[in-house]
PDB file of all heavy atoms in Angstrom:
ATOM      1  N   SER A   1       7.720 -13.949  10.025  1.00  0.00           N
ATOM      2  CA  SER A   1       6.422 -14.134  10.665  1.00  0.00           C
ATOM      3  C   SER A   1       6.438 -13.511  12.048  1.00  0.00           C
ATOM      4  O   SER A   1       7.416 -13.651  12.788  1.00  0.00           O
ATOM      5  CB  SER A   1       6.109 -15.636  10.749  1.00  0.00           C
ATOM      6  OG  SER A   1       5.082 -15.897  11.665  1.00  0.00           O
ATOM      7  N   ALA A   2       5.347 -12.829  12.398  1.00  0.00           N
ATOM      8  CA  ALA A   2       5.272 -12.201  13.724  1.00  0.00           C
ATOM      9  C   ALA A   2       3.847 -12.245  14.256  1.00  0.00           C
ATOM     10  O   ALA A   2       2.883 -12.051  13.509  1.00  0.00           O
ATOM     11  CB  ALA A   2       5.758 -10.742  13.663  1.00  0.00           C
ATOM     12  N   GLY A   3       3.705 -12.505  15.554  1.00  0.00           N
ATOM     13  CA  GLY A   3       2.416 -12.403  16.224  1.00  0.00           C
ATOM     14  C   GLY A   3       1.399 -13.454  15.801  1.00  0.00           C
ATOM     15  O   GLY A   3       1.705 -14.418  15.102  1.00  0.00           O
ATOM     16  N   PHE A   4       0.170 -13.260  16.234  1.00  0.00           N
ATOM     17  CA  PHE A   4      -0.891 -14.234  15.967  1.00  0.00           C
ATOM     18  C   PHE A   4      -1.230 -14.301  14.484  1.00  0.00           C
ATOM     19  O   PHE A   4      -1.634 -15.354  13.974  1.00  0.00           O
ATOM     20  CB  PHE A   4      -2.140 -13.902  16.798  1.00  0.00           C
ATOM     21  CG  PHE A   4      -2.934 -12.728  16.290  1.00  0.00           C
ATOM     22  CD1 PHE A   4      -4.063 -12.921  15.503  1.00  0.00           C
ATOM     23  CD2 PHE A   4      -2.547 -11.426  16.593  1.00  0.00           C
ATOM     24  CE1 PHE A   4      -4.791 -11.847  15.033  1.00  0.00           C
ATOM     25  CE2 PHE A   4      -3.280 -10.350  16.135  1.00  0.00           C
ATOM     26  CZ  PHE A   4      -4.399 -10.549  15.346  1.00  0.00           C
ATOM     27  N   VAL A   5      -1.052 -13.186  13.768  1.00  0.00           N
ATOM     28  CA  VAL A   5      -1.305 -13.203  12.320  1.00  0.00           C
ATOM     29  C   VAL A   5      -0.273 -14.085  11.636  1.00  0.00           C
ATOM     30  O   VAL A   5      -0.593 -14.871  10.737  1.00  0.00           O
ATOM     31  CB  VAL A   5      -1.290 -11.781  11.740  1.00  0.00           C
ATOM     32  CG1 VAL A   5      -1.472 -11.827  10.226  1.00  0.00           C
ATOM     33  CG2 VAL A   5      -2.385 -10.936  12.373  1.00  0.00           C
ATOM     34  N   GLY A   6       0.976 -13.980  12.074  1.00  0.00           N
ATOM     35  CA  GLY A   6       2.021 -14.840  11.521  1.00  0.00           C
ATOM     36  C   GLY A   6       1.724 -16.307  11.761  1.00  0.00           C
ATOM     37  O   GLY A   6       1.947 -17.153  10.874  1.00  0.00           O
ATOM     38  N   ASP A   7       1.202 -16.635  12.925  1.00  0.00           N
ATOM     39  CA  ASP A   7       0.827 -18.027  13.218  1.00  0.00           C
ATOM     40  C   ASP A   7      -0.251 -18.523  12.257  1.00  0.00           C
ATOM     41  O   ASP A   7      -0.218 -19.667  11.789  1.00  0.00           O
ATOM     42  CB  ASP A   7       0.336 -18.152  14.660  1.00  0.00           C
ATOM     43  CG  ASP A   7       1.430 -17.892  15.679  1.00  0.00           C
ATOM     44  OD1 ASP A   7       2.613 -17.987  15.325  1.00  0.00           O
ATOM     45  OD2 ASP A   7       1.086 -17.569  16.840  1.00  0.00           O
ATOM     46  N   GLU A   8      -1.216 -17.652  11.969  1.00  0.00           N
ATOM     47  CA  GLU A   8      -2.299 -18.042  11.059  1.00  0.00           C
ATOM     48  C   GLU A   8      -1.800 -18.175   9.620  1.00  0.00           C
ATOM     49  O   GLU A   8      -2.227 -19.069   8.877  1.00  0.00           O
ATOM     50  CB  GLU A   8      -3.435 -17.020  11.133  1.00  0.00           C
ATOM     51  CG  GLU A   8      -4.653 -17.341  10.269  1.00  0.00           C
ATOM     52  CD  GLU A   8      -5.341 -18.643  10.647  1.00  0.00           C
ATOM     53  OE1 GLU A   8      -5.069 -19.194  11.749  1.00  0.00           O
ATOM     54  OE2 GLU A   8      -6.182 -19.109   9.852  1.00  0.00           O
ATOM     55  N   ILE A   9      -0.882 -17.294   9.219  1.00  0.00           N
ATOM     56  CA  ILE A   9      -0.278 -17.418   7.890  1.00  0.00           C
ATOM     57  C   ILE A   9       0.403 -18.773   7.750  1.00  0.00           C
ATOM     58  O   ILE A   9       0.235 -19.482   6.747  1.00  0.00           O
ATOM     59  CB  ILE A   9       0.725 -16.267   7.640  1.00  0.00           C
ATOM     60  CG1 ILE A   9      -0.019 -14.937   7.490  1.00  0.00           C
ATOM     61  CG2 ILE A   9       1.570 -16.547   6.397  1.00  0.00           C
ATOM     62  CD1 ILE A   9       0.894 -13.725   7.456  1.00  0.00           C
ATOM     63  N   THR A  10       1.159 -19.163   8.776  1.00  0.00           N
ATOM     64  CA  THR A  10       1.854 -20.448   8.756  1.00  0.00           C
ATOM     65  C   THR A  10       0.873 -21.604   8.665  1.00  0.00           C
ATOM     66  O   THR A  10       1.072 -22.546   7.890  1.00  0.00           O
ATOM     67  CB  THR A  10       2.742 -20.598  10.008  1.00  0.00           C
ATOM     68  OG1 THR A  10       3.770 -19.596   9.963  1.00  0.00           O
ATOM     69  CG2 THR A  10       3.363 -21.975  10.076  1.00  0.00           C
ATOM     70  N   ARG A  11      -0.192 -21.534   9.431  1.00  0.00           N
ATOM     71  CA  ARG A  11      -1.183 -22.626   9.418  1.00  0.00           C
ATOM     72  C   ARG A  11      -1.778 -22.791   8.024  1.00  0.00           C
ATOM     73  O   ARG A  11      -1.912 -23.915   7.515  1.00  0.00           O
ATOM     74  CB  ARG A  11      -2.295 -22.339  10.430  1.00  0.00           C
ATOM     75  CG  ARG A  11      -3.288 -23.488  10.601  1.00  0.00           C
ATOM     76  CD  ARG A  11      -4.399 -23.132  11.565  1.00  0.00           C
ATOM     77  NE  ARG A  11      -5.325 -22.166  10.995  1.00  0.00           N
ATOM     78  CZ  ARG A  11      -6.328 -22.494  10.165  1.00  0.00           C
ATOM     79  NH1 ARG A  11      -6.502 -23.766   9.804  1.00  0.00           N
ATOM     80  NH2 ARG A  11      -7.142 -21.578   9.708  1.00  0.00           N
ATOM     81  N   ARG A  12      -2.090 -21.682   7.392  1.00  0.00           N
ATOM     82  CA  ARG A  12      -2.724 -21.736   6.073  1.00  0.00           C
ATOM     83  C   ARG A  12      -1.730 -22.156   4.992  1.00  0.00           C
ATOM     84  O   ARG A  12      -2.106 -22.819   4.026  1.00  0.00           O
ATOM     85  CB  ARG A  12      -3.380 -20.402   5.749  1.00  0.00           C
ATOM     86  CG  ARG A  12      -4.611 -20.132   6.620  1.00  0.00           C
ATOM     87  CD  ARG A  12      -5.192 -18.743   6.401  1.00  0.00           C
ATOM     88  NE  ARG A  12      -6.354 -18.531   7.258  1.00  0.00           N
ATOM     89  CZ  ARG A  12      -7.614 -18.754   6.901  1.00  0.00           C
ATOM     90  NH1 ARG A  12      -7.874 -19.220   5.683  1.00  0.00           N
ATOM     91  NH2 ARG A  12      -8.608 -18.540   7.727  1.00  0.00           N
ATOM     92  N   ILE A  13      -0.470 -21.764   5.121  1.00  0.00           N
ATOM     93  CA  ILE A  13       0.545 -22.207   4.175  1.00  0.00           C
ATOM     94  C   ILE A  13       0.701 -23.733   4.262  1.00  0.00           C
ATOM     95  O   ILE A  13       0.758 -24.424   3.238  1.00  0.00           O
ATOM     96  CB  ILE A  13       1.887 -21.493   4.445  1.00  0.00           C
ATOM     97  CG1 ILE A  13       1.812 -20.038   3.974  1.00  0.00           C
ATOM     98  CG2 ILE A  13       3.042 -22.214   3.757  1.00  0.00           C
ATOM     99  CD1 ILE A  13       3.035 -19.219   4.307  1.00  0.00           C
ATOM    100  N   GLN A  14       0.755 -24.238   5.477  1.00  0.00           N
ATOM    101  CA  GLN A  14       0.899 -25.682   5.654  1.00  0.00           C
ATOM    102  C   GLN A  14      -0.321 -26.419   5.112  1.00  0.00           C
ATOM    103  O   GLN A  14      -0.178 -27.509   4.540  1.00  0.00           O
ATOM    104  CB  GLN A  14       1.107 -26.003   7.130  1.00  0.00           C
ATOM    105  CG  GLN A  14       2.451 -25.530   7.671  1.00  0.00           C
ATOM    106  CD  GLN A  14       2.580 -25.667   9.173  1.00  0.00           C
ATOM    107  OE1 GLN A  14       1.586 -25.642   9.900  1.00  0.00           O
ATOM    108  NE2 GLN A  14       3.805 -25.819   9.657  1.00  0.00           N
ATOM    109  N   GLU A  15      -1.501 -25.845   5.250  1.00  0.00           N
ATOM    110  CA  GLU A  15      -2.721 -26.450   4.703  1.00  0.00           C
ATOM    111  C   GLU A  15      -2.645 -26.593   3.185  1.00  0.00           C
ATOM    112  O   GLU A  15      -3.284 -27.467   2.602  1.00  0.00           O
ATOM    113  CB  GLU A  15      -3.946 -25.608   5.069  1.00  0.00           C
ATOM    114  CG  GLU A  15      -4.492 -25.859   6.450  1.00  0.00           C
ATOM    115  CD  GLU A  15      -5.788 -25.099   6.707  1.00  0.00           C
ATOM    116  OE1 GLU A  15      -6.133 -24.233   5.878  1.00  0.00           O
ATOM    117  OE2 GLU A  15      -6.441 -25.359   7.734  1.00  0.00           O
ATOM    118  N   SER A  16      -1.870 -25.706   2.551  1.00  0.00           N
ATOM    119  CA  SER A  16      -1.734 -25.734   1.091  1.00  0.00           C
ATOM    120  C   SER A  16      -0.734 -26.782   0.629  1.00  0.00           C
ATOM    121  O   SER A  16      -0.474 -26.898  -0.572  1.00  0.00           O
ATOM    122  CB  SER A  16      -1.305 -24.357   0.582  1.00  0.00           C
ATOM    123  OG  SER A  16      -2.280 -23.371   0.895  1.00  0.00           O
ATOM    124  N   GLY A  17      -0.146 -27.536   1.557  1.00  0.00           N
ATOM    125  CA  GLY A  17       0.789 -28.586   1.193  1.00  0.00           C
ATOM    126  C   GLY A  17       2.210 -28.098   0.964  1.00  0.00           C
ATOM    127  O   GLY A  17       3.019 -28.778   0.324  1.00  0.00           O
ATOM    128  N   ILE A  18       2.523 -26.925   1.484  1.00  0.00           N
ATOM    129  CA  ILE A  18       3.832 -26.300   1.292  1.00  0.00           C
ATOM    130  C   ILE A  18       4.656 -26.497   2.559  1.00  0.00           C
ATOM    131  O   ILE A  18       4.133 -26.447   3.670  1.00  0.00           O
ATOM    132  CB  ILE A  18       3.659 -24.794   0.998  1.00  0.00           C
ATOM    133  CG1 ILE A  18       2.829 -24.590  -0.266  1.00  0.00           C
ATOM    134  CG2 ILE A  18       5.008 -24.092   0.883  1.00  0.00           C
ATOM    135  CD1 ILE A  18       2.251 -23.203  -0.375  1.00  0.00           C
ATOM    136  N   ASN A  19       5.964 -26.701   2.392  1.00  0.00           N
ATOM    137  CA  ASN A  19       6.866 -26.732   3.537  1.00  0.00           C
ATOM    138  C   ASN A  19       7.037 -25.306   4.047  1.00  0.00           C
ATOM    139  O   ASN A  19       7.574 -24.450   3.346  1.00  0.00           O
ATOM    140  CB  ASN A  19       8.229 -27.304   3.134  1.00  0.00           C
ATOM    141  CG  ASN A  19       8.134 -28.708   2.566  1.00  0.00           C
ATOM    142  OD1 ASN A  19       7.431 -29.545   3.100  1.00  0.00           O
ATOM    143  ND2 ASN A  19       8.840 -28.955   1.480  1.00  0.00           N
ATOM    144  N   ALA A  20       6.563 -25.038   5.256  1.00  0.00           N
ATOM    145  CA  ALA A  20       6.631 -23.689   5.824  1.00  0.00           C
ATOM    146  C   ALA A  20       7.900 -23.551   6.652  1.00  0.00           C
ATOM    147  O   ALA A  20       8.095 -24.276   7.625  1.00  0.00           O
ATOM    148  CB  ALA A  20       5.398 -23.413   6.681  1.00  0.00           C
ATOM    149  N   ASP A  21       8.759 -22.624   6.248  1.00  0.00           N
ATOM    150  CA  ASP A  21      10.017 -22.399   6.961  1.00  0.00           C
ATOM    151  C   ASP A  21      10.045 -20.941   7.408  1.00  0.00           C
ATOM    152  O   ASP A  21      10.646 -20.083   6.766  1.00  0.00           O
ATOM    153  CB  ASP A  21      11.199 -22.708   6.032  1.00  0.00           C
ATOM    154  CG  ASP A  21      12.523 -22.793   6.782  1.00  0.00           C
ATOM    155  OD1 ASP A  21      12.513 -22.586   8.010  1.00  0.00           O
ATOM    156  OD2 ASP A  21      13.551 -23.059   6.139  1.00  0.00           O
ATOM    157  N   GLU A  22       9.365 -20.675   8.517  1.00  0.00           N
ATOM    158  CA  GLU A  22       9.208 -19.298   8.963  1.00  0.00           C
ATOM    159  C   GLU A  22      10.383 -18.829   9.801  1.00  0.00           C
ATOM    160  O   GLU A  22      11.048 -19.607  10.466  1.00  0.00           O
ATOM    161  CB  GLU A  22       7.911 -19.136   9.764  1.00  0.00           C
ATOM    162  CG  GLU A  22       7.897 -19.926  11.053  1.00  0.00           C
ATOM    163  CD  GLU A  22       6.621 -19.727  11.853  1.00  0.00           C
ATOM    164  OE1 GLU A  22       5.921 -18.730  11.625  1.00  0.00           O
ATOM    165  OE2 GLU A  22       6.334 -20.571  12.721  1.00  0.00           O
ATOM    166  N   ILE A  23      10.630 -17.536   9.736  1.00  0.00           N
ATOM    167  CA  ILE A  23      11.600 -16.872  10.609  1.00  0.00           C
ATOM    168  C   ILE A  23      10.784 -16.016  11.569  1.00  0.00           C
ATOM    169  O   ILE A  23      10.175 -15.018  11.175  1.00  0.00           O
ATOM    170  CB  ILE A  23      12.571 -16.010   9.789  1.00  0.00           C
ATOM    171  CG1 ILE A  23      13.356 -16.888   8.797  1.00  0.00           C
ATOM    172  CG2 ILE A  23      13.537 -15.259  10.714  1.00  0.00           C
ATOM    173  CD1 ILE A  23      14.150 -16.109   7.787  1.00  0.00           C
ATOM    174  N   LYS A  24      10.747 -16.435  12.821  1.00  0.00           N
ATOM    175  CA  LYS A  24       9.893 -15.770  13.807  1.00  0.00           C
ATOM    176  C   LYS A  24      10.526 -14.468  14.277  1.00  0.00           C
ATOM    177  O   LYS A  24      11.701 -14.422  14.626  1.00  0.00           O
ATOM    178  CB  LYS A  24       9.643 -16.687  14.997  1.00  0.00           C
ATOM    179  CG  LYS A  24       8.763 -17.880  14.687  1.00  0.00           C
ATOM    180  CD  LYS A  24       7.315 -17.481  14.463  1.00  0.00           C
ATOM    181  CE  LYS A  24       6.612 -17.126  15.749  1.00  0.00           C
ATOM    182  NZ  LYS A  24       5.175 -16.829  15.539  1.00  0.00           N
ATOM    183  N   ILE A  25       9.724 -13.424  14.280  1.00  0.00           N
ATOM    184  CA  ILE A  25      10.146 -12.122  14.783  1.00  0.00           C
ATOM    185  C   ILE A  25       9.430 -11.890  16.114  1.00  0.00           C
ATOM    186  O   ILE A  25       8.210 -12.052  16.219  1.00  0.00           O
ATOM    187  CB  ILE A  25       9.807 -11.016  13.772  1.00  0.00           C
ATOM    188  CG1 ILE A  25      10.584 -11.263  12.472  1.00  0.00           C
ATOM    189  CG2 ILE A  25      10.122  -9.635  14.320  1.00  0.00           C
ATOM    190  CD1 ILE A  25      10.219 -10.334  11.347  1.00  0.00           C
ATOM    191  N   ASP A  26      10.181 -11.518  17.136  1.00  0.00           N
ATOM    192  CA  ASP A  26       9.654 -11.435  18.496  1.00  0.00           C
ATOM    193  C   ASP A  26       8.679 -10.276  18.703  1.00  0.00           C
ATOM    194  O   ASP A  26       7.770 -10.377  19.522  1.00  0.00           O
ATOM    195  CB  ASP A  26      10.808 -11.311  19.506  1.00  0.00           C
ATOM    196  CG  ASP A  26      11.670 -12.558  19.531  1.00  0.00           C
ATOM    197  OD1 ASP A  26      11.148 -13.643  19.200  1.00  0.00           O
ATOM    198  OD2 ASP A  26      12.864 -12.449  19.873  1.00  0.00           O
ATOM    199  N   GLU A  27       8.884  -9.189  17.984  1.00  0.00           N
ATOM    200  CA  GLU A  27       8.058  -7.996  18.199  1.00  0.00           C
ATOM    201  C   GLU A  27       7.189  -7.716  16.967  1.00  0.00           C
ATOM    202  O   GLU A  27       7.531  -8.069  15.857  1.00  0.00           O
ATOM    203  CB  GLU A  27       8.946  -6.787  18.489  1.00  0.00           C
ATOM    204  CG  GLU A  27       9.793  -6.944  19.742  1.00  0.00           C
ATOM    205  CD  GLU A  27      10.698  -5.746  19.955  1.00  0.00           C
ATOM    206  OE1 GLU A  27      10.669  -4.815  19.136  1.00  0.00           O
ATOM    207  OE2 GLU A  27      11.442  -5.750  20.960  1.00  0.00           O
ATOM    208  N   GLY A  28       6.063  -7.048  17.222  1.00  0.00           N
ATOM    209  CA  GLY A  28       5.196  -6.655  16.123  1.00  0.00           C
ATOM    210  C   GLY A  28       4.275  -7.760  15.678  1.00  0.00           C
ATOM    211  O   GLY A  28       4.114  -8.798  16.352  1.00  0.00           O
ATOM    212  N   CYS A  29       3.673  -7.570  14.515  1.00  0.00           N
ATOM    213  CA  CYS A  29       2.685  -8.515  14.006  1.00  0.00           C
ATOM    214  C   CYS A  29       2.724  -8.492  12.483  1.00  0.00           C
ATOM    215  O   CYS A  29       2.859  -7.423  11.866  1.00  0.00           O
ATOM    216  CB  CYS A  29       1.291  -8.124  14.503  1.00  0.00           C
ATOM    217  SG  CYS A  29       0.048  -9.402  14.246  1.00  0.00           S
ATOM    218  N   SER A  30       2.631  -9.665  11.902  1.00  0.00           N
ATOM    219  CA  SER A  30       2.520  -9.728  10.447  1.00  0.00           C
ATOM    220  C   SER A  30       1.276  -8.971   9.999  1.00  0.00           C
ATOM    221  O   SER A  30       0.311  -8.807  10.753  1.00  0.00           O
ATOM    222  CB  SER A  30       2.454 -11.185   9.978  1.00  0.00           C
ATOM    223  OG  SER A  30       3.678 -11.846  10.236  1.00  0.00           O
ATOM    224  N   ARG A  31       1.289  -8.528   8.772  1.00  0.00           N
ATOM    225  CA  ARG A  31       0.254  -7.598   8.318  1.00  0.00           C
ATOM    226  C   ARG A  31      -1.026  -8.300   7.868  1.00  0.00           C
ATOM    227  O   ARG A  31      -1.008  -9.445   7.403  1.00  0.00           O
ATOM    228  CB  ARG A  31       0.791  -6.733   7.184  1.00  0.00           C
ATOM    229  CG  ARG A  31       1.247  -7.498   5.969  1.00  0.00           C
ATOM    230  CD  ARG A  31       1.873  -6.581   4.946  1.00  0.00           C
ATOM    231  NE  ARG A  31       2.302  -7.348   3.778  1.00  0.00           N
ATOM    232  CZ  ARG A  31       2.344  -6.880   2.559  1.00  0.00           C
ATOM    233  NH1 ARG A  31       1.988  -5.633   2.312  1.00  0.00           N
ATOM    234  NH2 ARG A  31       2.745  -7.630   1.553  1.00  0.00           N
ATOM    235  N   ILE A  32      -2.133  -7.587   8.020  1.00  0.00           N
ATOM    236  CA  ILE A  32      -3.414  -7.978   7.436  1.00  0.00           C
ATOM    237  C   ILE A  32      -3.732  -6.969   6.351  1.00  0.00           C
ATOM    238  O   ILE A  32      -3.684  -5.752   6.576  1.00  0.00           O
ATOM    239  CB  ILE A  32      -4.535  -7.994   8.491  1.00  0.00           C
ATOM    240  CG1 ILE A  32      -4.243  -9.045   9.580  1.00  0.00           C
ATOM    241  CG2 ILE A  32      -5.880  -8.280   7.837  1.00  0.00           C
ATOM    242  CD1 ILE A  32      -5.257  -9.055  10.706  1.00  0.00           C
ATOM    243  N   ASN A  33      -4.035  -7.461   5.161  1.00  0.00           N
ATOM    244  CA  ASN A  33      -4.409  -6.597   4.050  1.00  0.00           C
ATOM    245  C   ASN A  33      -5.903  -6.733   3.787  1.00  0.00           C
ATOM    246  O   ASN A  33      -6.409  -7.838   3.585  1.00  0.00           O
ATOM    247  CB  ASN A  33      -3.636  -6.967   2.779  1.00  0.00           C
ATOM    248  CG  ASN A  33      -2.145  -6.709   2.907  1.00  0.00           C
ATOM    249  OD1 ASN A  33      -1.720  -5.925   3.751  1.00  0.00           O
ATOM    250  ND2 ASN A  33      -1.358  -7.349   2.078  1.00  0.00           N
ATOM    251  N   LEU A  34      -6.594  -5.615   3.807  1.00  0.00           N
ATOM    252  CA  LEU A  34      -8.026  -5.601   3.540  1.00  0.00           C
ATOM    253  C   LEU A  34      -8.257  -5.267   2.068  1.00  0.00           C
ATOM    254  O   LEU A  34      -7.779  -4.234   1.572  1.00  0.00           O
ATOM    255  CB  LEU A  34      -8.718  -4.550   4.415  1.00  0.00           C
ATOM    256  CG  LEU A  34     -10.206  -4.322   4.156  1.00  0.00           C
ATOM    257  CD1 LEU A  34     -11.003  -5.598   4.461  1.00  0.00           C
ATOM    258  CD2 LEU A  34     -10.735  -3.149   4.980  1.00  0.00           C
ATOM    259  N   LYS A  35      -8.970  -6.135   1.386  1.00  0.00           N
ATOM    260  CA  LYS A  35      -9.234  -5.955  -0.042  1.00  0.00           C
ATOM    261  C   LYS A  35     -10.740  -5.909  -0.250  1.00  0.00           C
ATOM    262  O   LYS A  35     -11.453  -6.857   0.058  1.00  0.00           O
ATOM    263  CB  LYS A  35      -8.604  -7.088  -0.845  1.00  0.00           C
ATOM    264  CG  LYS A  35      -7.083  -7.186  -0.641  1.00  0.00           C
ATOM    265  CD  LYS A  35      -6.474  -8.334  -1.410  1.00  0.00           C
ATOM    266  CE  LYS A  35      -4.980  -8.463  -1.132  1.00  0.00           C
ATOM    267  NZ  LYS A  35      -4.199  -7.351  -1.667  1.00  0.00           N
ATOM    268  N   LEU A  36     -11.234  -4.766  -0.769  1.00  0.00           N
ATOM    269  CA  LEU A  36     -12.662  -4.567  -1.012  1.00  0.00           C
ATOM    270  C   LEU A  36     -12.964  -4.865  -2.473  1.00  0.00           C
ATOM    271  O   LEU A  36     -12.717  -4.043  -3.347  1.00  0.00           O
ATOM    272  CB  LEU A  36     -13.063  -3.133  -0.656  1.00  0.00           C
ATOM    273  CG  LEU A  36     -12.767  -2.708   0.787  1.00  0.00           C
ATOM    274  CD1 LEU A  36     -13.025  -1.216   0.974  1.00  0.00           C
ATOM    275  CD2 LEU A  36     -13.626  -3.510   1.751  1.00  0.00           C
ATOM    276  N   LYS A  37     -13.511  -6.044  -2.736  1.00  0.00           N
ATOM    277  CA  LYS A  37     -13.692  -6.482  -4.114  1.00  0.00           C
ATOM    278  C   LYS A  37     -14.678  -5.616  -4.883  1.00  0.00           C
ATOM    279  O   LYS A  37     -14.547  -5.438  -6.094  1.00  0.00           O
ATOM    280  CB  LYS A  37     -14.192  -7.934  -4.128  1.00  0.00           C
ATOM    281  CG  LYS A  37     -13.156  -8.959  -3.726  1.00  0.00           C
ATOM    282  CD  LYS A  37     -13.730 -10.358  -3.725  1.00  0.00           C
ATOM    283  CE  LYS A  37     -14.200 -10.778  -5.118  1.00  0.00           C
ATOM    284  NZ  LYS A  37     -14.696 -12.167  -5.119  1.00  0.00           N
ATOM    285  N   THR A  38     -15.674  -5.094  -4.195  1.00  0.00           N
ATOM    286  CA  THR A  38     -16.776  -4.423  -4.897  1.00  0.00           C
ATOM    287  C   THR A  38     -16.539  -2.934  -5.086  1.00  0.00           C
ATOM    288  O   THR A  38     -17.406  -2.236  -5.621  1.00  0.00           O
ATOM    289  CB  THR A  38     -18.085  -4.638  -4.116  1.00  0.00           C
ATOM    290  OG1 THR A  38     -17.847  -4.402  -2.730  1.00  0.00           O
ATOM    291  CG2 THR A  38     -18.607  -6.045  -4.308  1.00  0.00           C
ATOM    292  N   ILE A  39     -15.386  -2.419  -4.680  1.00  0.00           N
ATOM    293  CA  ILE A  39     -15.150  -0.978  -4.807  1.00  0.00           C
ATOM    294  C   ILE A  39     -13.888  -0.759  -5.636  1.00  0.00           C
ATOM    295  O   ILE A  39     -12.860  -0.297  -5.159  1.00  0.00           O
ATOM    296  CB  ILE A  39     -15.036  -0.301  -3.430  1.00  0.00           C
ATOM    297  CG1 ILE A  39     -16.180  -0.761  -2.523  1.00  0.00           C
ATOM    298  CG2 ILE A  39     -15.047   1.218  -3.565  1.00  0.00           C
ATOM    299  CD1 ILE A  39     -16.087  -0.246  -1.119  1.00  0.00           C
ATOM    300  N   ASP A  40     -13.977  -1.132  -6.890  1.00  0.00           N
ATOM    301  CA  ASP A  40     -12.894  -0.919  -7.852  1.00  0.00           C
ATOM    302  C   ASP A  40     -11.548  -1.431  -7.336  1.00  0.00           C
ATOM    303  O   ASP A  40     -10.515  -0.796  -7.501  1.00  0.00           O
ATOM    304  CB  ASP A  40     -12.765   0.568  -8.209  1.00  0.00           C
ATOM    305  CG  ASP A  40     -14.014   1.086  -8.904  1.00  0.00           C
ATOM    306  OD1 ASP A  40     -14.624   0.301  -9.644  1.00  0.00           O
ATOM    307  OD2 ASP A  40     -14.357   2.254  -8.698  1.00  0.00           O
ATOM    308  N   GLY A  41     -11.535  -2.587  -6.684  1.00  0.00           N
ATOM    309  CA  GLY A  41     -10.286  -3.182  -6.220  1.00  0.00           C
ATOM    310  C   GLY A  41      -9.580  -2.401  -5.133  1.00  0.00           C
ATOM    311  O   GLY A  41      -8.360  -2.476  -5.003  1.00  0.00           O
TER     312      GLY A  41
END
């Protein structure tokens, strides 16, 4: 996990009732994937 995106990933994992055991990375940022449902995936 890295950056503010990593923090949000952790928050949402915990919301799902899962034990979140993250390994924090000091530099960079976890990725955001954009998925366009209406344009052939």
